Amino acid sequence: MPPTEDSFTCFPDDSGAEGQEFDPCEYINVCDPGLACVPSDAAVECDPLQIGCCSPLCDLTQPNTCPGVGQECVPVFQDPTPKYADVGICALPG
């Protein structure tokens, strides 16, 4: 789920009409801005037959606003630099 490097890179949004919360995805640039393509087991609302689905980025210092049932704001990076210490992604814990 998390990127392997401690950085973010912008890509053109190729989602078209799709790429909304819980829409299936396979590539990093097919989710709407503010969402990331995560493994489909990150939310019960995701289709388990798909490789991934779009889930919101979140702020670890704020109250949980994740839209999925049981989702929590979990860290994007395992050992982030201070720049990304508060960056999370909505996913099921575990």
PDB file of N, CA and C in Angstrom:
ATOM      1  N   MET A   1       0.816  -1.196   0.000  1.00  0.00           N
ATOM      2  CA  MET A   1       0.000   0.000   0.000  1.00  0.00           C
ATOM      3  C   MET A   1       0.859   1.259   0.000  1.00  0.00           C
ATOM      4  N   PRO A   2       1.722   1.511   1.004  1.00  0.00           N
ATOM      5  CA  PRO A   2       2.477   2.746   1.015  1.00  0.00           C
ATOM      6  C   PRO A   2       3.535   2.773  -0.075  1.00  0.00           C
ATOM      7  N   PRO A   3       3.866   3.974  -0.533  1.00  0.00           N
ATOM      8  CA  PRO A   3       4.972   4.093  -1.490  1.00  0.00           C
ATOM      9  C   PRO A   3       6.257   3.569  -0.847  1.00  0.00           C
ATOM     10  N   THR A   4       7.211   3.151  -1.665  1.00  0.00           N
ATOM     11  CA  THR A   4       8.448   2.598  -1.142  1.00  0.00           C
ATOM     12  C   THR A   4       9.462   3.686  -0.812  1.00  0.00           C
ATOM     13  N   GLU A   5       9.267   4.903  -1.285  1.00  0.00           N
ATOM     14  CA  GLU A   5      10.165   5.999  -0.986  1.00  0.00           C
ATOM     15  C   GLU A   5       9.413   7.052  -0.192  1.00  0.00           C
ATOM     16  N   ASP A   6      10.162   7.844   0.545  1.00  0.00           N
ATOM     17  CA  ASP A   6       9.572   8.889   1.373  1.00  0.00           C
ATOM     18  C   ASP A   6       9.390  10.169   0.561  1.00  0.00           C
ATOM     19  N   SER A   7       8.550  10.089  -0.461  1.00  0.00           N
ATOM     20  CA  SER A   7       8.303  11.263  -1.302  1.00  0.00           C
ATOM     21  C   SER A   7       6.991  11.087  -2.063  1.00  0.00           C
ATOM     22  N   PHE A   8       6.497  12.194  -2.585  1.00  0.00           N
ATOM     23  CA  PHE A   8       5.310  12.182  -3.434  1.00  0.00           C
ATOM     24  C   PHE A   8       5.691  12.773  -4.781  1.00  0.00           C
ATOM     25  N   THR A   9       5.075  12.275  -5.826  1.00  0.00           N
ATOM     26  CA  THR A   9       5.304  12.776  -7.167  1.00  0.00           C
ATOM     27  C   THR A   9       3.946  13.039  -7.799  1.00  0.00           C
ATOM     28  N   CYS A  10       3.818  14.166  -8.466  1.00  0.00           N
ATOM     29  CA  CYS A  10       2.559  14.500  -9.138  1.00  0.00           C
ATOM     30  C   CYS A  10       2.548  13.911 -10.541  1.00  0.00           C
ATOM     31  N   PHE A  11       1.400  13.375 -10.918  1.00  0.00           N
ATOM     32  CA  PHE A  11       1.190  12.840 -12.251  1.00  0.00           C
ATOM     33  C   PHE A  11      -0.095  13.441 -12.799  1.00  0.00           C
ATOM     34  N   PRO A  12      -0.210  13.564 -14.124  1.00  0.00           N
ATOM     35  CA  PRO A  12      -1.473  14.057 -14.688  1.00  0.00           C
ATOM     36  C   PRO A  12      -2.622  13.144 -14.279  1.00  0.00           C
ATOM     37  N   ASP A  13      -3.776  13.736 -14.008  1.00  0.00           N
ATOM     38  CA  ASP A  13      -4.963  12.981 -13.611  1.00  0.00           C
ATOM     39  C   ASP A  13      -5.585  12.363 -14.856  1.00  0.00           C
ATOM     40  N   ASP A  14      -5.482  11.057 -14.979  1.00  0.00           N
ATOM     41  CA  ASP A  14      -6.058  10.336 -16.114  1.00  0.00           C
ATOM     42  C   ASP A  14      -7.314   9.567 -15.725  1.00  0.00           C
ATOM     43  N   SER A  15      -7.977  10.015 -14.649  1.00  0.00           N
ATOM     44  CA  SER A  15      -9.134   9.277 -14.147  1.00  0.00           C
ATOM     45  C   SER A  15     -10.396   9.484 -14.972  1.00  0.00           C
ATOM     46  N   GLY A  16     -10.496  10.590 -15.685  1.00  0.00           N
ATOM     47  CA  GLY A  16     -11.711  10.866 -16.431  1.00  0.00           C
ATOM     48  C   GLY A  16     -12.898  10.932 -15.499  1.00  0.00           C
ATOM     49  N   ALA A  17     -14.004  10.286 -15.858  1.00  0.00           N
ATOM     50  CA  ALA A  17     -15.209  10.299 -15.014  1.00  0.00           C
ATOM     51  C   ALA A  17     -15.067   9.358 -13.823  1.00  0.00           C
ATOM     52  N   GLU A  18     -14.100   8.486 -13.857  1.00  0.00           N
ATOM     53  CA  GLU A  18     -13.875   7.534 -12.762  1.00  0.00           C
ATOM     54  C   GLU A  18     -12.850   8.115 -11.796  1.00  0.00           C
ATOM     55  N   GLY A  19     -12.341   7.291 -10.908  1.00  0.00           N
ATOM     56  CA  GLY A  19     -11.307   7.727  -9.976  1.00  0.00           C
ATOM     57  C   GLY A  19     -11.838   8.318  -8.689  1.00  0.00           C
ATOM     58  N   GLN A  20     -13.124   8.085  -8.410  1.00  0.00           N
ATOM     59  CA  GLN A  20     -13.719   8.594  -7.176  1.00  0.00           C
ATOM     60  C   GLN A  20     -13.477   7.590  -6.053  1.00  0.00           C
ATOM     61  N   GLU A  21     -13.856   7.961  -4.817  1.00  0.00           N
ATOM     62  CA  GLU A  21     -13.668   7.066  -3.681  1.00  0.00           C
ATOM     63  C   GLU A  21     -14.203   5.674  -3.990  1.00  0.00           C
ATOM     64  N   PHE A  22     -13.384   4.688  -3.721  1.00  0.00           N
ATOM     65  CA  PHE A  22     -13.695   3.264  -3.850  1.00  0.00           C
ATOM     66  C   PHE A  22     -13.821   2.776  -5.288  1.00  0.00           C
ATOM     67  N   ASP A  23     -13.543   3.637  -6.287  1.00  0.00           N
ATOM     68  CA  ASP A  23     -13.511   3.169  -7.667  1.00  0.00           C
ATOM     69  C   ASP A  23     -12.279   2.281  -7.842  1.00  0.00           C
ATOM     70  N   PRO A  24     -12.371   1.259  -8.699  1.00  0.00           N
ATOM     71  CA  PRO A  24     -11.200   0.409  -8.936  1.00  0.00           C
ATOM     72  C   PRO A  24     -10.088   1.191  -9.627  1.00  0.00           C
ATOM     73  N   CYS A  25      -8.856   0.806  -9.332  1.00  0.00           N
ATOM     74  CA  CYS A  25      -7.704   1.447  -9.975  1.00  0.00           C
ATOM     75  C   CYS A  25      -6.587   0.421 -10.107  1.00  0.00           C
ATOM     76  N   GLU A  26      -5.701   0.710 -11.035  1.00  0.00           N
ATOM     77  CA  GLU A  26      -4.545  -0.155 -11.231  1.00  0.00           C
ATOM     78  C   GLU A  26      -3.269   0.670 -11.288  1.00  0.00           C
ATOM     79  N   TYR A  27      -3.404   1.961 -11.595  1.00  0.00           N
ATOM     80  CA  TYR A  27      -2.250   2.831 -11.753  1.00  0.00           C
ATOM     81  C   TYR A  27      -2.380   4.035 -10.830  1.00  0.00           C
ATOM     82  N   ILE A  28      -1.256   4.681 -10.521  1.00  0.00           N
ATOM     83  CA  ILE A  28      -1.253   5.773  -9.549  1.00  0.00           C
ATOM     84  C   ILE A  28      -1.960   7.035 -10.039  1.00  0.00           C
ATOM     85  N   ASN A  29      -2.135   7.182 -11.337  1.00  0.00           N
ATOM     86  CA  ASN A  29      -2.717   8.426 -11.849  1.00  0.00           C
ATOM     87  C   ASN A  29      -4.170   8.280 -12.282  1.00  0.00           C
ATOM     88  N   VAL A  30      -4.873   7.288 -11.770  1.00  0.00           N
ATOM     89  CA  VAL A  30      -6.270   7.109 -12.175  1.00  0.00           C
ATOM     90  C   VAL A  30      -7.257   7.392 -11.043  1.00  0.00           C
ATOM     91  N   CYS A  31      -6.778   7.979  -9.967  1.00  0.00           N
ATOM     92  CA  CYS A  31      -7.656   8.415  -8.883  1.00  0.00           C
ATOM     93  C   CYS A  31      -7.720   9.939  -8.898  1.00  0.00           C
ATOM     94  N   ASP A  32      -8.864  10.479  -8.513  1.00  0.00           N
ATOM     95  CA  ASP A  32      -9.019  11.929  -8.461  1.00  0.00           C
ATOM     96  C   ASP A  32      -8.037  12.537  -7.468  1.00  0.00           C
ATOM     97  N   PRO A  33      -7.729  13.836  -7.623  1.00  0.00           N
ATOM     98  CA  PRO A  33      -6.839  14.506  -6.667  1.00  0.00           C
ATOM     99  C   PRO A  33      -7.326  14.326  -5.225  1.00  0.00           C
ATOM    100  N   GLY A  34      -6.391  14.065  -4.320  1.00  0.00           N
ATOM    101  CA  GLY A  34      -6.724  13.837  -2.917  1.00  0.00           C
ATOM    102  C   GLY A  34      -6.957  12.384  -2.581  1.00  0.00           C
ATOM    103  N   LEU A  35      -6.948  11.532  -3.620  1.00  0.00           N
ATOM    104  CA  LEU A  35      -7.119  10.097  -3.434  1.00  0.00           C
ATOM    105  C   LEU A  35      -5.866   9.383  -3.936  1.00  0.00           C
ATOM    106  N   ALA A  36      -5.647   8.187  -3.432  1.00  0.00           N
ATOM    107  CA  ALA A  36      -4.518   7.379  -3.879  1.00  0.00           C
ATOM    108  C   ALA A  36      -5.002   5.974  -4.175  1.00  0.00           C
ATOM    109  N   CYS A  37      -4.331   5.312  -5.095  1.00  0.00           N
ATOM    110  CA  CYS A  37      -4.659   3.939  -5.446  1.00  0.00           C
ATOM    111  C   CYS A  37      -3.989   3.020  -4.427  1.00  0.00           C
ATOM    112  N   VAL A  38      -4.809   2.312  -3.663  1.00  0.00           N
ATOM    113  CA  VAL A  38      -4.326   1.419  -2.610  1.00  0.00           C
ATOM    114  C   VAL A  38      -4.833   0.001  -2.890  1.00  0.00           C
ATOM    115  N   PRO A  39      -4.256  -1.005  -2.260  1.00  0.00           N
ATOM    116  CA  PRO A  39      -4.776  -2.365  -2.454  1.00  0.00           C
ATOM    117  C   PRO A  39      -6.258  -2.440  -2.101  1.00  0.00           C
ATOM    118  N   SER A  40      -6.981  -3.289  -2.803  1.00  0.00           N
ATOM    119  CA  SER A  40      -8.430  -3.345  -2.650  1.00  0.00           C
ATOM    120  C   SER A  40      -8.876  -3.802  -1.264  1.00  0.00           C
ATOM    121  N   ASP A  41      -7.977  -4.356  -0.459  1.00  0.00           N
ATOM    122  CA  ASP A  41      -8.368  -4.748   0.893  1.00  0.00           C
ATOM    123  C   ASP A  41      -8.292  -3.593   1.890  1.00  0.00           C
ATOM    124  N   ALA A  42      -8.085  -2.371   1.403  1.00  0.00           N
ATOM    125  CA  ALA A  42      -8.026  -1.190   2.265  1.00  0.00           C
ATOM    126  C   ALA A  42      -9.414  -0.716   2.698  1.00  0.00           C
ATOM    127  N   ALA A  43     -10.463  -1.226   2.051  1.00  0.00           N
ATOM    128  CA  ALA A  43     -11.828  -0.813   2.402  1.00  0.00           C
ATOM    129  C   ALA A  43     -12.808  -1.910   2.008  1.00  0.00           C
ATOM    130  N   VAL A  44     -13.807  -2.108   2.827  1.00  0.00           N
ATOM    131  CA  VAL A  44     -14.821  -3.117   2.498  1.00  0.00           C
ATOM    132  C   VAL A  44     -15.640  -2.697   1.284  1.00  0.00           C
ATOM    133  N   GLU A  45     -15.653  -1.408   0.989  1.00  0.00           N
ATOM    134  CA  GLU A  45     -16.408  -0.899  -0.162  1.00  0.00           C
ATOM    135  C   GLU A  45     -15.696  -1.161  -1.489  1.00  0.00           C
ATOM    136  N   CYS A  46     -14.434  -1.561  -1.440  1.00  0.00           N
ATOM    137  CA  CYS A  46     -13.671  -1.835  -2.653  1.00  0.00           C
ATOM    138  C   CYS A  46     -13.998  -3.221  -3.185  1.00  0.00           C
ATOM    139  N   ASP A  47     -13.947  -3.363  -4.488  1.00  0.00           N
ATOM    140  CA  ASP A  47     -14.187  -4.648  -5.138  1.00  0.00           C
ATOM    141  C   ASP A  47     -12.967  -5.546  -4.900  1.00  0.00           C
ATOM    142  N   PRO A  48     -13.123  -6.646  -4.159  1.00  0.00           N
ATOM    143  CA  PRO A  48     -11.966  -7.494  -3.853  1.00  0.00           C
ATOM    144  C   PRO A  48     -11.371  -8.196  -5.072  1.00  0.00           C
ATOM    145  N   LEU A  49     -12.081  -8.182  -6.191  1.00  0.00           N
ATOM    146  CA  LEU A  49     -11.561  -8.797  -7.404  1.00  0.00           C
ATOM    147  C   LEU A  49     -10.659  -7.853  -8.197  1.00  0.00           C
ATOM    148  N   GLN A  50     -10.579  -6.597  -7.763  1.00  0.00           N
ATOM    149  CA  GLN A  50      -9.734  -5.603  -8.422  1.00  0.00           C
ATOM    150  C   GLN A  50      -8.382  -5.523  -7.716  1.00  0.00           C
ATOM    151  N   ILE A  51      -7.376  -5.049  -8.409  1.00  0.00           N
ATOM    152  CA  ILE A  51      -6.032  -4.888  -7.837  1.00  0.00           C
ATOM    153  C   ILE A  51      -6.039  -3.815  -6.759  1.00  0.00           C
ATOM    154  N   GLY A  52      -6.706  -2.709  -7.028  1.00  0.00           N
ATOM    155  CA  GLY A  52      -6.717  -1.608  -6.074  1.00  0.00           C
ATOM    156  C   GLY A  52      -7.974  -0.792  -6.172  1.00  0.00           C
ATOM    157  N   CYS A  53      -8.072   0.185  -5.279  1.00  0.00           N
ATOM    158  CA  CYS A  53      -9.182   1.126  -5.339  1.00  0.00           C
ATOM    159  C   CYS A  53      -8.719   2.475  -4.793  1.00  0.00           C
ATOM    160  N   CYS A  54      -9.467   3.503  -5.100  1.00  0.00           N
ATOM    161  CA  CYS A  54      -9.114   4.865  -4.718  1.00  0.00           C
ATOM    162  C   CYS A  54      -9.574   5.146  -3.289  1.00  0.00           C
ATOM    163  N   SER A  55      -8.649   5.645  -2.477  1.00  0.00           N
ATOM    164  CA  SER A  55      -8.949   5.954  -1.084  1.00  0.00           C
ATOM    165  C   SER A  55      -8.339   7.313  -0.742  1.00  0.00           C
ATOM    166  N   PRO A  56      -8.996   8.073   0.135  1.00  0.00           N
ATOM    167  CA  PRO A  56      -8.520   9.422   0.441  1.00  0.00           C
ATOM    168  C   PRO A  56      -7.229   9.457   1.249  1.00  0.00           C
ATOM    169  N   LEU A  57      -6.434  10.476   0.959  1.00  0.00           N
ATOM    170  CA  LEU A  57      -5.319  10.828   1.826  1.00  0.00           C
ATOM    171  C   LEU A  57      -5.922  11.526   3.040  1.00  0.00           C
ATOM    172  N   CYS A  58      -5.223  11.515   4.166  1.00  0.00           N
ATOM    173  CA  CYS A  58      -5.758  12.130   5.376  1.00  0.00           C
ATOM    174  C   CYS A  58      -4.613  12.681   6.228  1.00  0.00           C
ATOM    175  N   ASP A  59      -4.970  13.434   7.243  1.00  0.00           N
ATOM    176  CA  ASP A  59      -4.016  14.051   8.162  1.00  0.00           C
ATOM    177  C   ASP A  59      -4.051  13.283   9.480  1.00  0.00           C
ATOM    178  N   LEU A  60      -2.924  12.688   9.841  1.00  0.00           N
ATOM    179  CA  LEU A  60      -2.851  11.883  11.057  1.00  0.00           C
ATOM    180  C   LEU A  60      -3.098  12.673  12.333  1.00  0.00           C
ATOM    181  N   THR A  61      -2.976  14.001  12.269  1.00  0.00           N
ATOM    182  CA  THR A  61      -3.162  14.825  13.467  1.00  0.00           C
ATOM    183  C   THR A  61      -4.607  15.267  13.655  1.00  0.00           C
ATOM    184  N   GLN A  62      -5.469  14.945  12.702  1.00  0.00           N
ATOM    185  CA  GLN A  62      -6.865  15.381  12.752  1.00  0.00           C
ATOM    186  C   GLN A  62      -7.772  14.211  13.150  1.00  0.00           C
ATOM    187  N   PRO A  63      -8.993  14.527  13.583  1.00  0.00           N
ATOM    188  CA  PRO A  63      -9.954  13.442  13.861  1.00  0.00           C
ATOM    189  C   PRO A  63     -10.191  12.597  12.611  1.00  0.00           C
ATOM    190  N   ASN A  64     -10.549  11.350  12.819  1.00  0.00           N
ATOM    191  CA  ASN A  64     -10.778  10.435  11.704  1.00  0.00           C
ATOM    192  C   ASN A  64     -11.976  10.887  10.865  1.00  0.00           C
ATOM    193  N   THR A  65     -11.728  11.129   9.591  1.00  0.00           N
ATOM    194  CA  THR A  65     -12.797  11.496   8.659  1.00  0.00           C
ATOM    195  C   THR A  65     -12.872  10.499   7.502  1.00  0.00           C
ATOM    196  N   CYS A  66     -12.268   9.349   7.669  1.00  0.00           N
ATOM    197  CA  CYS A  66     -12.246   8.359   6.587  1.00  0.00           C
ATOM    198  C   CYS A  66     -13.661   7.860   6.310  1.00  0.00           C
ATOM    199  N   PRO A  67     -14.014   7.755   5.012  1.00  0.00           N
ATOM    200  CA  PRO A  67     -15.396   7.447   4.644  1.00  0.00           C
ATOM    201  C   PRO A  67     -15.785   5.974   4.709  1.00  0.00           C
ATOM    202  N   GLY A  68     -14.820   5.077   4.652  1.00  0.00           N
ATOM    203  CA  GLY A  68     -15.140   3.660   4.613  1.00  0.00           C
ATOM    204  C   GLY A  68     -15.473   3.085   5.977  1.00  0.00           C
ATOM    205  N   VAL A  69     -16.303   2.048   5.987  1.00  0.00           N
ATOM    206  CA  VAL A  69     -16.662   1.362   7.218  1.00  0.00           C
ATOM    207  C   VAL A  69     -15.397   0.777   7.838  1.00  0.00           C
ATOM    208  N   GLY A  70     -15.073   1.187   9.063  1.00  0.00           N
ATOM    209  CA  GLY A  70     -13.921   0.669   9.780  1.00  0.00           C
ATOM    210  C   GLY A  70     -12.589   1.254   9.366  1.00  0.00           C
ATOM    211  N   GLN A  71     -12.580   2.129   8.366  1.00  0.00           N
ATOM    212  CA  GLN A  71     -11.323   2.736   7.935  1.00  0.00           C
ATOM    213  C   GLN A  71     -10.796   3.699   8.983  1.00  0.00           C
ATOM    214  N   GLU A  72      -9.470   3.793   9.055  1.00  0.00           N
ATOM    215  CA  GLU A  72      -8.786   4.747   9.905  1.00  0.00           C
ATOM    216  C   GLU A  72      -7.706   5.428   9.082  1.00  0.00           C
ATOM    217  N   CYS A  73      -7.276   6.577   9.552  1.00  0.00           N
ATOM    218  CA  CYS A  73      -6.169   7.278   8.913  1.00  0.00           C
ATOM    219  C   CYS A  73      -4.879   6.615   9.400  1.00  0.00           C
ATOM    220  N   VAL A  74      -4.210   5.896   8.512  1.00  0.00           N
ATOM    221  CA  VAL A  74      -2.978   5.193   8.855  1.00  0.00           C
ATOM    222  C   VAL A  74      -1.807   5.858   8.130  1.00  0.00           C
ATOM    223  N   PRO A  75      -0.612   5.795   8.707  1.00  0.00           N
ATOM    224  CA  PRO A  75       0.544   6.453   8.077  1.00  0.00           C
ATOM    225  C   PRO A  75       0.804   5.920   6.673  1.00  0.00           C
ATOM    226  N   VAL A  76       1.168   6.814   5.781  1.00  0.00           N
ATOM    227  CA  VAL A  76       1.548   6.422   4.423  1.00  0.00           C
ATOM    228  C   VAL A  76       2.939   5.795   4.454  1.00  0.00           C
ATOM    229  N   PHE A  77       3.843   6.386   5.227  1.00  0.00           N
ATOM    230  CA  PHE A  77       5.225   5.917   5.299  1.00  0.00           C
ATOM    231  C   PHE A  77       5.499   5.278   6.651  1.00  0.00           C
ATOM    232  N   GLN A  78       6.300   4.219   6.669  1.00  0.00           N
ATOM    233  CA  GLN A  78       6.631   3.543   7.916  1.00  0.00           C
ATOM    234  C   GLN A  78       7.560   4.375   8.796  1.00  0.00           C
ATOM    235  N   ASP A  79       8.516   5.045   8.204  1.00  0.00           N
ATOM    236  CA  ASP A  79       9.466   5.861   8.954  1.00  0.00           C
ATOM    237  C   ASP A  79       9.648   7.187   8.209  1.00  0.00           C
ATOM    238  N   PRO A  80       8.641   8.067   8.276  1.00  0.00           N
ATOM    239  CA  PRO A  80       8.668   9.277   7.450  1.00  0.00           C
ATOM    240  C   PRO A  80       9.654  10.329   7.952  1.00  0.00           C
ATOM    241  N   THR A  81      10.082  11.158   7.026  1.00  0.00           N
ATOM    242  CA  THR A  81      10.823  12.342   7.402  1.00  0.00           C
ATOM    243  C   THR A  81       9.819  13.300   8.032  1.00  0.00           C
ATOM    244  N   PRO A  82      10.266  14.287   8.787  1.00  0.00           N
ATOM    245  CA  PRO A  82       9.318  15.230   9.407  1.00  0.00           C
ATOM    246  C   PRO A  82       8.352  15.874   8.414  1.00  0.00           C
ATOM    247  N   LYS A  83       8.793  16.050   7.187  1.00  0.00           N
ATOM    248  CA  LYS A  83       7.953  16.665   6.151  1.00  0.00           C
ATOM    249  C   LYS A  83       6.664  15.874   5.922  1.00  0.00           C
ATOM    250  N   TYR A  84       6.715  14.551   6.045  1.00  0.00           N
ATOM    251  CA  TYR A  84       5.561  13.701   5.756  1.00  0.00           C
ATOM    252  C   TYR A  84       5.040  12.964   6.991  1.00  0.00           C
ATOM    253  N   ALA A  85       5.430  13.406   8.168  1.00  0.00           N
ATOM    254  CA  ALA A  85       5.065  12.713   9.413  1.00  0.00           C
ATOM    255  C   ALA A  85       3.556  12.652   9.652  1.00  0.00           C
ATOM    256  N   ASP A  86       2.790  13.599   9.138  1.00  0.00           N
ATOM    257  CA  ASP A  86       1.350  13.664   9.384  1.00  0.00           C
ATOM    258  C   ASP A  86       0.517  13.144   8.209  1.00  0.00           C
ATOM    259  N   VAL A  87       1.160  12.643   7.160  1.00  0.00           N
ATOM    260  CA  VAL A  87       0.440  12.199   5.972  1.00  0.00           C
ATOM    261  C   VAL A  87      -0.052  10.773   6.161  1.00  0.00           C
ATOM    262  N   GLY A  88      -1.354  10.611   5.989  1.00  0.00           N
ATOM    263  CA  GLY A  88      -1.960   9.291   6.111  1.00  0.00           C
ATOM    264  C   GLY A  88      -2.808   8.947   4.918  1.00  0.00           C
ATOM    265  N   ILE A  89      -3.295   7.721   4.918  1.00  0.00           N
ATOM    266  CA  ILE A  89      -4.198   7.228   3.889  1.00  0.00           C
ATOM    267  C   ILE A  89      -5.314   6.475   4.606  1.00  0.00           C
ATOM    268  N   CYS A  90      -6.522   6.615   4.142  1.00  0.00           N
ATOM    269  CA  CYS A  90      -7.645   5.900   4.753  1.00  0.00           C
ATOM    270  C   CYS A  90      -7.581   4.428   4.347  1.00  0.00           C
ATOM    271  N   ALA A  91      -7.524   3.564   5.372  1.00  0.00           N
ATOM    272  CA  ALA A  91      -7.435   2.122   5.132  1.00  0.00           C
ATOM    273  C   ALA A  91      -7.943   1.386   6.371  1.00  0.00           C
ATOM    274  N   LEU A  92      -8.218   0.119   6.187  1.00  0.00           N
ATOM    275  CA  LEU A  92      -8.582  -0.705   7.340  1.00  0.00           C
ATOM    276  C   LEU A  92      -7.313  -0.964   8.151  1.00  0.00           C
ATOM    277  N   PRO A  93      -7.371  -0.831   9.457  1.00  0.00           N
ATOM    278  CA  PRO A  93      -6.167  -1.048  10.268  1.00  0.00           C
ATOM    279  C   PRO A  93      -5.744  -2.513  10.240  1.00  0.00           C
ATOM    280  N   GLY A  94      -4.455  -2.700  10.420  1.00  0.00           N
ATOM    281  CA  GLY A  94      -3.983  -4.078  10.518  1.00  0.00           C
ATOM    282  C   GLY A  94      -2.930  -4.355   9.605  1.00  0.00           C
TER     283      GLY A  94
END
